[in-house]
Protein backbone atom coordinates (compact mmCIF):
# COMPACT_ATOMS: atom_id res chain seq x y z
CA MET A 1 62.42 -1.90 -60.75
CA ALA A 2 65.87 -0.39 -59.97
CA ALA A 3 67.15 -1.91 -56.56
CA ASN A 4 66.35 -0.78 -53.04
CA THR A 5 62.77 0.79 -54.40
CA SER A 6 59.59 0.34 -52.70
CA ALA A 7 56.42 -0.25 -55.11
CA LYS A 8 54.15 1.46 -52.17
CA SER A 9 56.53 4.58 -51.32
CA SER A 10 55.84 7.96 -52.65
CA LYS A 11 57.40 8.91 -56.11
CA TYR A 12 58.60 12.19 -56.72
CA VAL A 13 58.30 12.46 -60.83
CA TYR A 14 61.19 14.05 -63.11
CA ALA A 15 59.97 13.71 -66.76
CA ILE A 16 58.04 11.16 -68.82
CA VAL A 17 60.52 9.57 -71.63
CA ASN A 18 59.39 6.89 -74.57
CA ALA A 19 59.60 3.38 -72.78
CA PRO A 20 60.54 0.09 -74.26
CA GLY A 21 60.76 -1.26 -70.86
CA GLU A 22 61.82 -0.03 -67.48
CA ALA A 23 65.35 1.16 -66.47
CA ALA A 24 67.69 2.34 -64.21
CA TYR A 25 69.97 5.11 -64.08
CA GLU A 26 72.95 6.04 -62.86
CA PHE A 27 72.91 10.04 -61.01
CA PRO A 28 70.98 10.05 -58.04
CA GLY A 29 67.36 11.87 -57.25
CA ILE A 30 66.35 13.98 -54.19
CA GLY A 31 67.77 12.96 -51.37
CA GLY A 32 70.83 10.61 -52.53
CA ALA A 33 67.55 8.08 -54.20
CA ALA A 34 68.28 6.08 -57.04
CA VAL A 35 66.44 7.30 -60.16
CA TYR A 36 64.63 4.90 -62.29
CA SER A 37 61.23 4.77 -64.25
CA ILE A 38 57.77 3.27 -64.10
CA ALA A 39 56.77 2.37 -67.78
CA SER A 40 53.00 1.93 -68.96
CA GLY A 41 52.36 1.22 -72.43
CA LYS A 42 54.59 3.12 -74.76
CA VAL A 43 55.67 5.52 -71.92
CA ALA A 44 57.66 5.63 -68.96
CA ALA A 45 57.79 8.03 -66.04
CA VAL A 46 61.36 8.87 -64.62
CA VAL A 47 60.75 9.34 -60.63
CA SER A 48 62.85 8.09 -57.71
CA ASP A 49 61.25 7.22 -53.56
CA VAL A 50 60.56 9.94 -51.38
CA SER A 51 58.96 9.76 -48.07
CA GLU A 52 57.73 13.52 -47.80
CA ASP A 53 54.04 14.39 -49.45
CA ARG A 54 55.63 17.64 -50.27
CA ILE A 55 59.88 18.59 -51.59
CA ARG A 56 60.47 22.22 -50.58
CA PRO A 57 61.81 24.08 -53.52
CA GLU A 58 65.24 24.65 -51.75
CA ARG A 59 68.33 25.24 -54.01
CA ARG A 60 69.60 21.57 -53.41
CA HIS A 61 66.09 19.98 -54.39
CA LEU A 62 66.16 22.10 -57.64
CA ALA A 63 69.81 21.74 -58.50
CA THR A 64 69.14 17.66 -57.97
CA GLN A 65 66.34 18.00 -60.61
CA GLN A 66 67.83 20.01 -63.04
CA ALA A 67 71.18 17.56 -62.69
CA VAL A 68 68.44 14.62 -63.36
CA LEU A 69 66.78 16.38 -66.34
CA LYS A 70 70.36 16.95 -67.81
CA GLY A 71 71.51 13.26 -67.19
CA LEU A 72 68.01 12.35 -69.39
CA LEU A 73 68.62 14.71 -71.84
CA SER A 74 71.92 12.98 -72.88
CA GLN A 75 70.26 9.39 -73.06
CA ALA A 76 66.89 10.02 -73.93
CA ASP A 77 66.03 10.79 -77.72
CA ALA A 78 62.31 13.05 -76.36
CA MET A 79 61.51 13.87 -73.10
CA LEU A 80 58.86 15.84 -71.07
CA PRO A 81 60.39 17.56 -68.30
CA MET A 82 57.93 17.70 -65.39
CA ALA A 83 57.44 20.83 -63.35
CA PHE A 84 59.32 20.71 -59.60
CA GLY A 85 57.32 19.34 -56.80
CA ILE A 86 55.36 16.53 -58.50
CA ILE A 87 55.00 13.38 -56.04
CA ALA A 88 52.89 10.49 -56.95
CA ASN A 89 51.45 8.01 -54.41
CA GLY A 90 52.99 4.69 -55.45
CA SER A 91 54.34 2.77 -58.42
CA LYS A 92 49.99 2.49 -59.39
CA ALA A 93 49.30 5.86 -59.25
CA VAL A 94 52.32 6.59 -61.38
CA GLN A 95 51.29 3.90 -63.94
CA ARG A 96 47.21 4.74 -63.61
CA ILE A 97 48.77 8.90 -64.81
CA LEU A 98 50.34 7.51 -67.73
CA SER A 99 47.84 5.21 -68.64
CA ARG A 100 45.22 8.31 -68.89
CA ASN A 101 47.64 10.50 -70.59
CA HIS A 102 48.93 8.07 -72.98
CA GLU A 103 47.84 9.54 -76.11
CA ALA A 104 48.35 12.60 -75.19
CA CYS A 105 52.09 11.61 -74.32
CA CYS A 106 53.13 9.82 -77.06
CA SER A 107 51.61 12.97 -79.11
CA GLN A 108 53.81 15.46 -77.32
CA LEU A 109 57.03 13.10 -77.03
CA GLN A 110 56.95 12.76 -80.95
CA ARG A 111 56.18 16.67 -81.55
CA VAL A 112 60.23 17.41 -79.12
CA ALA A 113 61.88 13.86 -80.46
CA GLY A 114 65.55 14.74 -81.27
CA MET A 115 64.89 18.43 -79.64
CA VAL A 116 66.52 20.74 -76.86
CA GLU A 117 65.64 24.26 -75.59
CA MET A 118 67.86 26.95 -76.09
CA GLY A 119 67.44 30.15 -74.21
CA LEU A 120 68.31 33.86 -75.31
CA ARG A 121 68.14 36.66 -73.41
CA VAL A 122 69.40 40.58 -74.41
CA SER A 123 69.48 43.47 -72.49
CA TRP A 124 70.62 46.77 -72.29
CA SER A 125 74.14 47.03 -71.00
CA VAL A 126 73.81 51.06 -70.04
CA PRO A 127 74.10 52.69 -66.17
CA ASN A 128 70.54 53.99 -66.21
CA ILE A 129 68.10 53.25 -68.44
CA PHE A 130 65.85 55.60 -68.19
CA GLU A 131 68.53 58.22 -68.90
CA TYR A 132 69.52 56.25 -72.02
CA PHE A 133 65.91 56.31 -73.27
CA VAL A 134 66.55 59.82 -72.91
CA ASN A 135 68.99 60.32 -75.05
CA ILE A 136 67.56 57.80 -78.08
CA HIS A 137 63.99 58.80 -77.80
CA PRO A 138 63.52 62.71 -78.31
CA ASP A 139 60.34 62.62 -77.05
CA LEU A 140 61.12 61.30 -74.13
CA LYS A 141 64.08 63.77 -73.31
CA ILE A 142 61.18 67.04 -74.16
CA ALA A 143 58.64 65.76 -72.03
CA ARG A 144 61.45 65.13 -68.87
CA ASP A 145 63.00 68.29 -69.74
CA HIS A 146 59.54 69.85 -69.81
CA LEU A 147 58.48 68.60 -66.66
CA LEU A 148 62.06 69.17 -64.52
CA GLY A 149 62.94 72.04 -65.83
CA ALA A 150 59.84 74.38 -66.63
CA ARG A 151 57.70 73.18 -63.70
CA GLY A 152 60.46 73.39 -61.28
CA ASN A 153 58.54 70.47 -58.96
CA PRO A 154 56.57 68.10 -60.76
CA SER A 155 53.22 66.65 -59.47
CA GLN A 156 52.70 62.77 -58.70
CA GLU A 157 50.63 62.97 -61.67
CA ASP A 158 53.03 65.00 -63.73
CA LYS A 159 55.55 62.15 -62.90
CA ILE A 160 53.61 59.24 -63.63
CA GLU A 161 52.51 60.50 -67.11
CA LEU A 162 56.26 60.27 -67.36
CA GLY A 163 56.52 56.90 -66.56
CA ARG A 164 53.60 55.75 -68.59
CA LEU A 165 55.70 57.49 -71.49
CA PHE A 166 58.81 55.44 -70.56
CA ASP A 167 57.15 52.35 -69.96
CA HIS A 168 55.62 52.92 -74.02
CA LEU A 169 58.60 53.29 -75.28
CA LEU A 170 59.99 50.44 -73.76
CA ASN A 171 57.66 47.77 -75.07
CA GLU A 172 57.60 49.59 -78.09
CA ASP A 173 61.25 49.24 -78.70
CA ARG A 174 61.73 45.58 -76.85
CA GLU A 175 58.98 44.43 -79.69
CA ALA A 176 60.71 46.25 -82.53
CA TYR A 177 63.74 44.10 -81.42
CA THR A 178 62.81 41.28 -80.58
CA GLU A 179 60.80 41.10 -83.77
CA LYS A 180 64.31 41.74 -85.57
CA VAL A 181 66.06 38.72 -83.36
CA GLU A 182 63.26 36.03 -84.00
CA ASP A 183 63.41 37.31 -88.43
CA ILE A 184 66.84 35.51 -88.14
CA LEU A 185 66.71 32.72 -85.48
CA ARG A 186 63.64 31.65 -87.14
CA SER A 187 65.68 29.23 -89.91
CA TYR A 188 67.88 28.08 -86.85
CA CYS A 189 64.96 26.91 -84.70
CA GLN A 190 61.62 24.57 -84.90
CA GLU A 191 59.85 27.04 -82.69
CA ILE A 192 60.53 30.06 -80.52
CA LYS A 193 58.69 31.11 -77.69
CA ARG A 194 59.08 34.92 -75.87
CA ASN A 195 59.24 34.54 -71.73
CA LYS A 196 58.22 37.64 -69.83
CA CYS A 197 61.15 39.90 -68.79
CA ARG A 198 61.81 40.12 -65.67
CA GLN A 199 64.32 43.08 -65.04
CA GLU A 200 63.46 46.90 -66.61
CA SER A 201 66.81 46.32 -68.39
CA GLU A 202 65.82 42.93 -70.13
CA VAL A 203 65.22 43.57 -74.09
CA MET A 204 63.73 40.05 -74.65
CA ASN A 205 63.74 36.61 -73.14
CA LEU A 206 63.38 33.66 -75.75
CA ALA A 207 63.42 29.88 -75.45
CA CYS A 208 63.95 28.37 -78.88
CA LEU A 209 62.90 24.85 -79.72
CA ILE A 210 65.97 23.39 -81.96
CA ARG A 211 67.17 20.22 -83.44
CA ARG A 212 69.78 18.39 -81.43
CA ASP A 213 71.81 18.61 -83.86
CA ARG A 214 71.81 22.00 -85.00
CA GLN A 215 73.41 23.80 -81.59
CA ASP A 216 76.55 25.18 -83.82
CA GLN A 217 74.03 26.41 -86.72
CA PHE A 218 71.78 28.18 -84.10
CA GLU A 219 75.09 29.81 -82.36
CA ASN A 220 75.51 31.14 -85.33
CA GLY A 221 72.23 32.73 -85.83
CA VAL A 222 72.86 34.51 -82.27
CA PHE A 223 75.79 35.55 -83.53
CA GLU A 224 74.23 37.04 -86.65
CA ALA A 225 71.80 38.67 -84.61
CA ALA A 226 73.68 40.39 -82.65
CA ARG A 227 75.82 41.97 -85.42
CA LEU A 228 72.68 44.16 -85.93
CA PHE A 229 72.81 45.56 -82.48
CA ASP A 230 76.23 48.25 -80.57
CA ASN A 231 77.61 47.37 -77.68
CA ASN A 232 74.67 48.70 -75.70
CA TYR A 233 73.09 45.12 -75.62
CA ILE A 234 74.00 42.33 -74.37
CA PHE A 235 73.52 39.18 -75.65
CA ASP A 236 73.48 35.81 -73.33
CA TYR A 237 71.97 32.73 -74.71
CA ASN A 238 72.29 29.01 -73.06
CA GLY A 239 71.48 25.53 -73.13
CA PRO A 240 70.93 23.05 -74.02
CA TRP A 241 68.05 22.32 -71.82
CA ALA A 242 65.20 19.53 -71.51
CA PRO A 243 62.09 21.61 -73.46
CA HIS A 244 60.62 23.45 -70.45
CA ASN A 245 59.10 25.87 -72.49
CA PHE A 246 57.29 23.55 -75.19
CA VAL A 247 55.21 20.95 -73.30
CA GLU A 248 51.70 21.51 -73.77
CA LEU A 249 50.45 18.37 -71.29
CA ASP A 250 48.02 18.86 -69.12
CA LEU A 251 48.34 15.68 -66.86
CA LYS A 252 44.18 13.76 -66.13
CA LEU A 253 45.45 12.53 -62.54
């Protein structure tokens, strides 16, 4: 175990990795604490000591967690990143968790070995998304003109109905464009997962699990997909990240 750590103090858990033994890391953890691993069998938890029972999701703490995971990503062939705020009550508690979940952890680590996660977000780059859809969807234009023109003062129910048509077309286009992009990226990815669009202007938000040595090929795949779209769309890809979206682990505490 690393110096200046206490077996009895609470442990903030960053990730689970393969473990030939216990190790200390050069990068600092939350509050500047030393980062080290606690092993049990073939797996280990990467932790740092904390005095609190709960860590607030403040920007500095979130940034530190991401920095630790980034550091681990450069050193570990496989890792299972934990959600923010996981704290165990001492070293023995960490070892119990690892022991109870040993088989599941080994299986998941094997699944993501040699992999990283890349993100791809595609958005409409237009001043007004509704007006853009009016211009490209004749049915929506007819409905809009009918409500605002012929009736002059549309009712709340009329506005709701127009909104429903817009939402339907929005989701229909999202699905069609996402399938088009996925068809190209499948050649470069082990797995692709769809995350929920957070903004109305977003077309898709994809998490892609790829081999570490195929990042250049993935980038080429993004460019290939982008060529299918005009200047009304923005492609923003990012990473590599720890495989957050591909860890399927329900820990038994």
